[in-house]
Each structure stands twice: as structure tokens, then as C-alpha cells.
Amino acid sequence: TCTLTVCTQESLVLYTDGIPELENPGRELFGRQRFEQFCLGHLESDSATWAKELETELDEFRRGVHPSDDVTALRIRILSSFQSNDGKLDEI
């Protein structure tokens, strides 16, 4: 069992290895560091905008090279927290 605390205005990003392993025509990988930089550079974007901008970033990087693996990302952004009737913060 593992517990992860994500606070209000923070995001959790889950992704498949197809994102960092995405290649461009020069066989350069998109890489984990480039993906992290993308995420850090788009902290304030709403999730729909974030997804569109990620799609654009990946398309521009791969320049027509067909992905060899699935390319999947899920961003969960905590907008607010709420308390249950017993006064404790509810877990998500």
C-alpha cells in the first residue's frame, strides 16, 4: 500500500513509456527530462489546454514519424479540497 498526498492546485501526471520513447526523424528520443520540462512549463494550464499543448508538442517533435508505442498521458489537477461531515478532509 502506498499513499500519495497531492495538495490543492497541484497536479498528478500519469503517462506511458510511449511519451519519453517517442522518436523524431533523427531517432532522438523525446525523453523524460523534456516531458518534465513540458509539465513544469504548463503548470497553470487547465487540463484540456494542457492535453492539446502536449499533443502539439509531441507532433512537432516527431515530425511525421509514426509512434512505435502507445502515447498516453493523464493529468489530474486538484482544484480544491473539501471536508466531510465529520470535519476531516476527504481522501481522493
PDB file of N, CA and C in Angstrom:
ATOM      1  N   THR A   1       0.839  -1.184   0.000  1.00  0.00           N
ATOM      2  CA  THR A   1       0.000   0.000   0.000  1.00  0.00           C
ATOM      3  C   THR A   1       0.876   1.236   0.000  1.00  0.00           C
ATOM      4  N   CYS A   2       0.443   2.226  -0.757  1.00  0.00           N
ATOM      5  CA  CYS A   2       1.193   3.472  -0.879  1.00  0.00           C
ATOM      6  C   CYS A   2       0.212   4.636  -0.805  1.00  0.00           C
ATOM      7  N   THR A   3       0.626   5.680  -0.139  1.00  0.00           N
ATOM      8  CA  THR A   3      -0.196   6.879  -0.046  1.00  0.00           C
ATOM      9  C   THR A   3       0.549   8.031  -0.700  1.00  0.00           C
ATOM     10  N   LEU A   4      -0.152   8.786  -1.502  1.00  0.00           N
ATOM     11  CA  LEU A   4       0.412   9.949  -2.168  1.00  0.00           C
ATOM     12  C   LEU A   4      -0.454  11.143  -1.827  1.00  0.00           C
ATOM     13  N   THR A   5       0.153  12.184  -1.321  1.00  0.00           N
ATOM     14  CA  THR A   5      -0.591  13.387  -0.996  1.00  0.00           C
ATOM     15  C   THR A   5      -0.398  14.410  -2.104  1.00  0.00           C
ATOM     16  N   VAL A   6      -1.506  14.858  -2.676  1.00  0.00           N
ATOM     17  CA  VAL A   6      -1.488  15.891  -3.700  1.00  0.00           C
ATOM     18  C   VAL A   6      -2.342  17.034  -3.161  1.00  0.00           C
ATOM     19  N   CYS A   7      -1.753  18.186  -3.037  1.00  0.00           N
ATOM     20  CA  CYS A   7      -2.433  19.334  -2.438  1.00  0.00           C
ATOM     21  C   CYS A   7      -3.194  20.148  -3.481  1.00  0.00           C
ATOM     22  N   THR A   8      -4.041  21.034  -2.994  1.00  0.00           N
ATOM     23  CA  THR A   8      -4.798  21.929  -3.859  1.00  0.00           C
ATOM     24  C   THR A   8      -3.852  22.677  -4.793  1.00  0.00           C
ATOM     25  N   GLN A   9      -4.252  22.774  -6.052  1.00  0.00           N
ATOM     26  CA  GLN A   9      -3.511  23.424  -7.130  1.00  0.00           C
ATOM     27  C   GLN A   9      -2.292  22.623  -7.601  1.00  0.00           C
ATOM     28  N   GLU A  10      -2.107  21.416  -7.105  1.00  0.00           N
ATOM     29  CA  GLU A  10      -1.047  20.548  -7.609  1.00  0.00           C
ATOM     30  C   GLU A  10      -1.639  19.582  -8.628  1.00  0.00           C
ATOM     31  N   SER A  11      -0.760  18.961  -9.396  1.00  0.00           N
ATOM     32  CA  SER A  11      -1.185  18.008 -10.412  1.00  0.00           C
ATOM     33  C   SER A  11      -0.456  16.691 -10.241  1.00  0.00           C
ATOM     34  N   LEU A  12      -1.113  15.651 -10.656  1.00  0.00           N
ATOM     35  CA  LEU A  12      -0.521  14.321 -10.736  1.00  0.00           C
ATOM     36  C   LEU A  12      -0.576  13.933 -12.203  1.00  0.00           C
ATOM     37  N   VAL A  13       0.558  13.543 -12.772  1.00  0.00           N
ATOM     38  CA  VAL A  13       0.612  13.165 -14.181  1.00  0.00           C
ATOM     39  C   VAL A  13       1.027  11.705 -14.281  1.00  0.00           C
ATOM     40  N   LEU A  14       0.207  10.926 -14.933  1.00  0.00           N
ATOM     41  CA  LEU A  14       0.497   9.520 -15.212  1.00  0.00           C
ATOM     42  C   LEU A  14       0.676   9.399 -16.713  1.00  0.00           C
ATOM     43  N   TYR A  15       1.664   8.614 -17.135  1.00  0.00           N
ATOM     44  CA  TYR A  15       1.917   8.500 -18.573  1.00  0.00           C
ATOM     45  C   TYR A  15       2.555   7.162 -18.897  1.00  0.00           C
ATOM     46  N   THR A  16       2.385   6.747 -20.141  1.00  0.00           N
ATOM     47  CA  THR A  16       3.002   5.512 -20.599  1.00  0.00           C
ATOM     48  C   THR A  16       4.410   5.812 -21.136  1.00  0.00           C
ATOM     49  N   ASP A  17       5.186   4.761 -21.276  1.00  0.00           N
ATOM     50  CA  ASP A  17       6.559   4.941 -21.754  1.00  0.00           C
ATOM     51  C   ASP A  17       6.635   5.387 -23.214  1.00  0.00           C
ATOM     52  N   GLY A  18       5.493   5.399 -23.892  1.00  0.00           N
ATOM     53  CA  GLY A  18       5.471   5.867 -25.278  1.00  0.00           C
ATOM     54  C   GLY A  18       5.796   7.344 -25.416  1.00  0.00           C
ATOM     55  N   ILE A  19       5.602   8.130 -24.360  1.00  0.00           N
ATOM     56  CA  ILE A  19       5.929   9.559 -24.439  1.00  0.00           C
ATOM     57  C   ILE A  19       7.444   9.778 -24.395  1.00  0.00           C
ATOM     58  N   PRO A  20       8.155   9.326 -23.373  1.00  0.00           N
ATOM     59  CA  PRO A  20       9.596   9.564 -23.382  1.00  0.00           C
ATOM     60  C   PRO A  20      10.330   8.797 -24.483  1.00  0.00           C
ATOM     61  N   GLU A  21       9.739   7.718 -24.973  1.00  0.00           N
ATOM     62  CA  GLU A  21      10.384   6.920 -26.018  1.00  0.00           C
ATOM     63  C   GLU A  21       9.980   7.339 -27.432  1.00  0.00           C
ATOM     64  N   LEU A  22       9.183   8.392 -27.559  1.00  0.00           N
ATOM     65  CA  LEU A  22       8.786   8.900 -28.873  1.00  0.00           C
ATOM     66  C   LEU A  22      10.023   9.392 -29.616  1.00  0.00           C
ATOM     67  N   GLU A  23      10.147   9.017 -30.888  1.00  0.00           N
ATOM     68  CA  GLU A  23      11.327   9.375 -31.678  1.00  0.00           C
ATOM     69  C   GLU A  23      10.995  10.402 -32.749  1.00  0.00           C
ATOM     70  N   ASN A  24      12.005  11.207 -33.081  1.00  0.00           N
ATOM     71  CA  ASN A  24      11.900  12.122 -34.217  1.00  0.00           C
ATOM     72  C   ASN A  24      12.641  11.502 -35.403  1.00  0.00           C
ATOM     73  N   PRO A  25      12.669  12.151 -36.564  1.00  0.00           N
ATOM     74  CA  PRO A  25      13.342  11.565 -37.731  1.00  0.00           C
ATOM     75  C   PRO A  25      14.824  11.250 -37.500  1.00  0.00           C
ATOM     76  N   GLY A  26      15.478  11.972 -36.586  1.00  0.00           N
ATOM     77  CA  GLY A  26      16.881  11.696 -36.280  1.00  0.00           C
ATOM     78  C   GLY A  26      17.070  10.603 -35.237  1.00  0.00           C
ATOM     79  N   ARG A  27      15.975   9.918 -34.885  1.00  0.00           N
ATOM     80  CA  ARG A  27      15.937   8.842 -33.892  1.00  0.00           C
ATOM     81  C   ARG A  27      16.275   9.321 -32.473  1.00  0.00           C
ATOM     82  N   GLU A  28      16.161  10.632 -32.248  1.00  0.00           N
ATOM     83  CA  GLU A  28      16.328  11.191 -30.913  1.00  0.00           C
ATOM     84  C   GLU A  28      15.043  10.925 -30.127  1.00  0.00           C
ATOM     85  N   LEU A  29      15.179  10.553 -28.870  1.00  0.00           N
ATOM     86  CA  LEU A  29      14.014  10.306 -28.027  1.00  0.00           C
ATOM     87  C   LEU A  29      13.488  11.613 -27.441  1.00  0.00           C
ATOM     88  N   PHE A  30      12.157  11.687 -27.266  1.00  0.00           N
ATOM     89  CA  PHE A  30      11.570  12.849 -26.608  1.00  0.00           C
ATOM     90  C   PHE A  30      12.136  12.950 -25.198  1.00  0.00           C
ATOM     91  N   GLY A  31      12.186  11.872 -24.495  1.00  0.00           N
ATOM     92  CA  GLY A  31      12.863  11.800 -23.204  1.00  0.00           C
ATOM     93  C   GLY A  31      12.026  12.259 -22.018  1.00  0.00           C
ATOM     94  N   ARG A  32      12.371  11.698 -20.880  1.00  0.00           N
ATOM     95  CA  ARG A  32      11.675  12.037 -19.642  1.00  0.00           C
ATOM     96  C   ARG A  32      11.933  13.480 -19.228  1.00  0.00           C
ATOM     97  N   GLN A  33      13.167  13.938 -19.388  1.00  0.00           N
ATOM     98  CA  GLN A  33      13.500  15.302 -18.982  1.00  0.00           C
ATOM     99  C   GLN A  33      12.716  16.334 -19.802  1.00  0.00           C
ATOM    100  N   ARG A  34      12.595  16.114 -21.095  1.00  0.00           N
ATOM    101  CA  ARG A  34      11.838  17.036 -21.950  1.00  0.00           C
ATOM    102  C   ARG A  34      10.358  17.035 -21.538  1.00  0.00           C
ATOM    103  N   PHE A  35       9.839  15.845 -21.191  1.00  0.00           N
ATOM    104  CA  PHE A  35       8.448  15.760 -20.754  1.00  0.00           C
ATOM    105  C   PHE A  35       8.259  16.484 -19.410  1.00  0.00           C
ATOM    106  N   GLU A  36       9.199  16.312 -18.505  1.00  0.00           N
ATOM    107  CA  GLU A  36       9.131  17.022 -17.227  1.00  0.00           C
ATOM    108  C   GLU A  36       9.168  18.529 -17.439  1.00  0.00           C
ATOM    109  N   GLN A  37      10.017  18.992 -18.344  1.00  0.00           N
ATOM    110  CA  GLN A  37      10.096  20.423 -18.637  1.00  0.00           C
ATOM    111  C   GLN A  37       8.776  20.929 -19.226  1.00  0.00           C
ATOM    112  N   PHE A  38       8.167  20.119 -20.091  1.00  0.00           N
ATOM    113  CA  PHE A  38       6.856  20.494 -20.629  1.00  0.00           C
ATOM    114  C   PHE A  38       5.862  20.657 -19.484  1.00  0.00           C
ATOM    115  N   CYS A  39       5.806  19.665 -18.599  1.00  0.00           N
ATOM    116  CA  CYS A  39       4.841  19.711 -17.481  1.00  0.00           C
ATOM    117  C   CYS A  39       5.091  20.922 -16.591  1.00  0.00           C
ATOM    118  N   LEU A  40       6.345  21.193 -16.267  1.00  0.00           N
ATOM    119  CA  LEU A  40       6.670  22.341 -15.419  1.00  0.00           C
ATOM    120  C   LEU A  40       6.344  23.661 -16.106  1.00  0.00           C
ATOM    121  N   GLY A  41       6.451  23.693 -17.414  1.00  0.00           N
ATOM    122  CA  GLY A  41       6.164  24.908 -18.163  1.00  0.00           C
ATOM    123  C   GLY A  41       4.681  25.153 -18.388  1.00  0.00           C
ATOM    124  N   HIS A  42       3.861  24.190 -18.019  1.00  0.00           N
ATOM    125  CA  HIS A  42       2.418  24.306 -18.245  1.00  0.00           C
ATOM    126  C   HIS A  42       1.632  24.055 -16.958  1.00  0.00           C
ATOM    127  N   LEU A  43       2.194  24.463 -15.845  1.00  0.00           N
ATOM    128  CA  LEU A  43       1.551  24.241 -14.548  1.00  0.00           C
ATOM    129  C   LEU A  43       0.207  24.929 -14.421  1.00  0.00           C
ATOM    130  N   GLU A  44       0.062  26.090 -15.023  1.00  0.00           N
ATOM    131  CA  GLU A  44      -1.158  26.881 -14.863  1.00  0.00           C
ATOM    132  C   GLU A  44      -2.233  26.556 -15.899  1.00  0.00           C
ATOM    133  N   SER A  45      -1.902  25.745 -16.876  1.00  0.00           N
ATOM    134  CA  SER A  45      -2.886  25.404 -17.918  1.00  0.00           C
ATOM    135  C   SER A  45      -3.989  24.531 -17.349  1.00  0.00           C
ATOM    136  N   ASP A  46      -5.221  24.759 -17.813  1.00  0.00           N
ATOM    137  CA  ASP A  46      -6.279  23.823 -17.441  1.00  0.00           C
ATOM    138  C   ASP A  46      -6.000  22.509 -18.174  1.00  0.00           C
ATOM    139  N   SER A  47      -6.625  21.459 -17.744  1.00  0.00           N
ATOM    140  CA  SER A  47      -6.291  20.129 -18.272  1.00  0.00           C
ATOM    141  C   SER A  47      -6.568  19.980 -19.764  1.00  0.00           C
ATOM    142  N   ALA A  48      -7.647  20.569 -20.265  1.00  0.00           N
ATOM    143  CA  ALA A  48      -7.947  20.472 -21.699  1.00  0.00           C
ATOM    144  C   ALA A  48      -6.874  21.172 -22.517  1.00  0.00           C
ATOM    145  N   THR A  49      -6.457  22.350 -22.087  1.00  0.00           N
ATOM    146  CA  THR A  49      -5.397  23.093 -22.771  1.00  0.00           C
ATOM    147  C   THR A  49      -4.087  22.324 -22.682  1.00  0.00           C
ATOM    148  N   TRP A  50      -3.795  21.795 -21.505  1.00  0.00           N
ATOM    149  CA  TRP A  50      -2.572  21.010 -21.282  1.00  0.00           C
ATOM    150  C   TRP A  50      -2.503  19.845 -22.271  1.00  0.00           C
ATOM    151  N   ALA A  51      -3.616  19.124 -22.428  1.00  0.00           N
ATOM    152  CA  ALA A  51      -3.645  17.970 -23.327  1.00  0.00           C
ATOM    153  C   ALA A  51      -3.415  18.392 -24.779  1.00  0.00           C
ATOM    154  N   LYS A  52      -4.048  19.480 -25.210  1.00  0.00           N
ATOM    155  CA  LYS A  52      -3.870  19.975 -26.581  1.00  0.00           C
ATOM    156  C   LYS A  52      -2.428  20.423 -26.814  1.00  0.00           C
ATOM    157  N   GLU A  53      -1.856  21.134 -25.831  1.00  0.00           N
ATOM    158  CA  GLU A  53      -0.482  21.617 -25.964  1.00  0.00           C
ATOM    159  C   GLU A  53       0.519  20.462 -25.953  1.00  0.00           C
ATOM    160  N   LEU A  54       0.243  19.418 -25.178  1.00  0.00           N
ATOM    161  CA  LEU A  54       1.113  18.243 -25.186  1.00  0.00           C
ATOM    162  C   LEU A  54       1.042  17.552 -26.540  1.00  0.00           C
ATOM    163  N   GLU A  55      -0.154  17.404 -27.076  1.00  0.00           N
ATOM    164  CA  GLU A  55      -0.312  16.786 -28.393  1.00  0.00           C
ATOM    165  C   GLU A  55       0.468  17.567 -29.454  1.00  0.00           C
ATOM    166  N   THR A  56       0.373  18.879 -29.416  1.00  0.00           N
ATOM    167  CA  THR A  56       1.102  19.724 -30.360  1.00  0.00           C
ATOM    168  C   THR A  56       2.604  19.562 -30.177  1.00  0.00           C
ATOM    169  N   GLU A  57       3.058  19.600 -28.941  1.00  0.00           N
ATOM    170  CA  GLU A  57       4.499  19.446 -28.636  1.00  0.00           C
ATOM    171  C   GLU A  57       5.030  18.122 -29.167  1.00  0.00           C
ATOM    172  N   LEU A  58       4.298  17.045 -28.940  1.00  0.00           N
ATOM    173  CA  LEU A  58       4.740  15.725 -29.392  1.00  0.00           C
ATOM    174  C   LEU A  58       4.704  15.620 -30.913  1.00  0.00           C
ATOM    175  N   ASP A  59       3.665  16.172 -31.550  1.00  0.00           N
ATOM    176  CA  ASP A  59       3.575  16.150 -33.019  1.00  0.00           C
ATOM    177  C   ASP A  59       4.717  16.933 -33.659  1.00  0.00           C
ATOM    178  N   GLU A  60       5.023  18.101 -33.090  1.00  0.00           N
ATOM    179  CA  GLU A  60       6.125  18.907 -33.633  1.00  0.00           C
ATOM    180  C   GLU A  60       7.462  18.198 -33.439  1.00  0.00           C
ATOM    181  N   PHE A  61       7.630  17.501 -32.333  1.00  0.00           N
ATOM    182  CA  PHE A  61       8.878  16.788 -32.079  1.00  0.00           C
ATOM    183  C   PHE A  61       9.059  15.625 -33.051  1.00  0.00           C
ATOM    184  N   ARG A  62       8.013  14.846 -33.245  1.00  0.00           N
ATOM    185  CA  ARG A  62       8.166  13.627 -34.057  1.00  0.00           C
ATOM    186  C   ARG A  62       8.164  13.895 -35.553  1.00  0.00           C
ATOM    187  N   ARG A  63       7.710  15.074 -35.966  1.00  0.00           N
ATOM    188  CA  ARG A  63       7.734  15.498 -37.370  1.00  0.00           C
ATOM    189  C   ARG A  63       7.369  14.385 -38.352  1.00  0.00           C
ATOM    190  N   GLY A  64       6.212  13.788 -38.106  1.00  0.00           N
ATOM    191  CA  GLY A  64       5.691  12.799 -39.042  1.00  0.00           C
ATOM    192  C   GLY A  64       6.088  11.368 -38.772  1.00  0.00           C
ATOM    193  N   VAL A  65       7.021  11.118 -37.863  1.00  0.00           N
ATOM    194  CA  VAL A  65       7.405   9.746 -37.536  1.00  0.00           C
ATOM    195  C   VAL A  65       6.258   9.108 -36.747  1.00  0.00           C
ATOM    196  N   HIS A  66       5.805   7.956 -37.219  1.00  0.00           N
ATOM    197  CA  HIS A  66       4.702   7.265 -36.547  1.00  0.00           C
ATOM    198  C   HIS A  66       5.187   6.694 -35.215  1.00  0.00           C
ATOM    199  N   PRO A  67       4.444   6.909 -34.130  1.00  0.00           N
ATOM    200  CA  PRO A  67       4.854   6.358 -32.835  1.00  0.00           C
ATOM    201  C   PRO A  67       4.930   4.833 -32.881  1.00  0.00           C
ATOM    202  N   SER A  68       5.943   4.256 -32.255  1.00  0.00           N
ATOM    203  CA  SER A  68       6.096   2.800 -32.230  1.00  0.00           C
ATOM    204  C   SER A  68       5.383   2.182 -31.033  1.00  0.00           C
ATOM    205  N   ASP A  69       4.810   3.013 -30.174  1.00  0.00           N
ATOM    206  CA  ASP A  69       4.141   2.555 -28.964  1.00  0.00           C
ATOM    207  C   ASP A  69       2.961   3.487 -28.698  1.00  0.00           C
ATOM    208  N   ASP A  70       2.112   3.101 -27.750  1.00  0.00           N
ATOM    209  CA  ASP A  70       1.011   4.000 -27.404  1.00  0.00           C
ATOM    210  C   ASP A  70       1.576   5.255 -26.748  1.00  0.00           C
ATOM    211  N   VAL A  71       0.888   6.360 -26.931  1.00  0.00           N
ATOM    212  CA  VAL A  71       1.292   7.653 -26.364  1.00  0.00           C
ATOM    213  C   VAL A  71       0.102   8.134 -25.532  1.00  0.00           C
ATOM    214  N   THR A  72       0.198   7.921 -24.229  1.00  0.00           N
ATOM    215  CA  THR A  72      -0.929   8.185 -23.348  1.00  0.00           C
ATOM    216  C   THR A  72      -0.486   8.961 -22.120  1.00  0.00           C
ATOM    217  N   ALA A  73      -1.251   9.990 -21.772  1.00  0.00           N
ATOM    218  CA  ALA A  73      -0.979  10.768 -20.557  1.00  0.00           C
ATOM    219  C   ALA A  73      -2.300  11.113 -19.892  1.00  0.00           C
ATOM    220  N   LEU A  74      -2.279  11.135 -18.587  1.00  0.00           N
ATOM    221  CA  LEU A  74      -3.437  11.525 -17.794  1.00  0.00           C
ATOM    222  C   LEU A  74      -2.956  12.525 -16.756  1.00  0.00           C
ATOM    223  N   ARG A  75      -3.564  13.691 -16.749  1.00  0.00           N
ATOM    224  CA  ARG A  75      -3.213  14.726 -15.772  1.00  0.00           C
ATOM    225  C   ARG A  75      -4.413  14.948 -14.864  1.00  0.00           C
ATOM    226  N   ILE A  76      -4.176  14.831 -13.573  1.00  0.00           N
ATOM    227  CA  ILE A  76      -5.207  15.078 -12.576  1.00  0.00           C
ATOM    228  C   ILE A  76      -4.773  16.315 -11.804  1.00  0.00           C
ATOM    229  N   ARG A  77      -5.570  17.361 -11.883  1.00  0.00           N
ATOM    230  CA  ARG A  77      -5.253  18.605 -11.194  1.00  0.00           C
ATOM    231  C   ARG A  77      -6.247  18.816 -10.071  1.00  0.00           C
ATOM    232  N   ILE A  78      -5.751  18.989  -8.862  1.00  0.00           N
ATOM    233  CA  ILE A  78      -6.605  19.187  -7.700  1.00  0.00           C
ATOM    234  C   ILE A  78      -6.958  20.671  -7.623  1.00  0.00           C
ATOM    235  N   LEU A  79      -8.220  20.983  -7.842  1.00  0.00           N
ATOM    236  CA  LEU A  79      -8.666  22.374  -7.853  1.00  0.00           C
ATOM    237  C   LEU A  79      -9.034  22.861  -6.457  1.00  0.00           C
ATOM    238  N   SER A  80      -9.589  21.977  -5.646  1.00  0.00           N
ATOM    239  CA  SER A  80      -9.937  22.352  -4.282  1.00  0.00           C
ATOM    240  C   SER A  80     -10.111  21.093  -3.451  1.00  0.00           C
ATOM    241  N   SER A  81     -10.083  21.261  -2.158  1.00  0.00           N
ATOM    242  CA  SER A  81     -10.339  20.141  -1.261  1.00  0.00           C
ATOM    243  C   SER A  81     -11.666  20.397  -0.564  1.00  0.00           C
ATOM    244  N   PHE A  82     -12.196  19.391   0.019  1.00  0.00           N
ATOM    245  CA  PHE A  82     -13.461  19.557   0.719  1.00  0.00           C
ATOM    246  C   PHE A  82     -13.451  18.698   1.973  1.00  0.00           C
ATOM    247  N   GLN A  83     -14.267  19.058   2.919  1.00  0.00           N
ATOM    248  CA  GLN A  83     -14.345  18.333   4.172  1.00  0.00           C
ATOM    249  C   GLN A  83     -15.656  17.566   4.246  1.00  0.00           C
ATOM    250  N   SER A  84     -15.571  16.395   4.840  1.00  0.00           N
ATOM    251  CA  SER A  84     -16.776  15.602   5.046  1.00  0.00           C
ATOM    252  C   SER A  84     -17.503  16.109   6.289  1.00  0.00           C
ATOM    253  N   ASN A  85     -18.625  15.527   6.584  1.00  0.00           N
ATOM    254  CA  ASN A  85     -19.432  15.950   7.721  1.00  0.00           C
ATOM    255  C   ASN A  85     -18.712  15.834   9.054  1.00  0.00           C
ATOM    256  N   ASP A  86     -17.724  14.925   9.134  1.00  0.00           N
ATOM    257  CA  ASP A  86     -17.007  14.762  10.395  1.00  0.00           C
ATOM    258  C   ASP A  86     -15.832  15.748  10.534  1.00  0.00           C
ATOM    259  N   GLY A  87     -15.700  16.659   9.574  1.00  0.00           N
ATOM    260  CA  GLY A  87     -14.667  17.703   9.656  1.00  0.00           C
ATOM    261  C   GLY A  87     -13.311  17.287   9.126  1.00  0.00           C
ATOM    262  N   LYS A  88     -13.173  16.033   8.677  1.00  0.00           N
ATOM    263  CA  LYS A  88     -11.904  15.559   8.130  1.00  0.00           C
ATOM    264  C   LYS A  88     -11.886  15.791   6.629  1.00  0.00           C
ATOM    265  N   LEU A  89     -10.681  16.030   6.103  1.00  0.00           N
ATOM    266  CA  LEU A  89     -10.553  16.154   4.652  1.00  0.00           C
ATOM    267  C   LEU A  89     -10.814  14.800   4.019  1.00  0.00           C
ATOM    268  N   ASP A  90     -11.622  14.772   2.996  1.00  0.00           N
ATOM    269  CA  ASP A  90     -11.897  13.523   2.292  1.00  0.00           C
ATOM    270  C   ASP A  90     -10.697  13.139   1.455  1.00  0.00           C
ATOM    271  N   GLU A  91     -10.449  11.851   1.361  1.00  0.00           N
ATOM    272  CA  GLU A  91      -9.377  11.339   0.523  1.00  0.00           C
ATOM    273  C   GLU A  91      -9.912  11.120  -0.869  1.00  0.00           C
ATOM    274  N   ILE A  92      -9.066  11.369  -1.830  1.00  0.00           N
ATOM    275  CA  ILE A  92      -9.454  11.158  -3.230  1.00  0.00           C
ATOM    276  C   ILE A  92      -8.743   9.921  -3.723  1.00  0.00           C
TER     277      ILE A  92
END
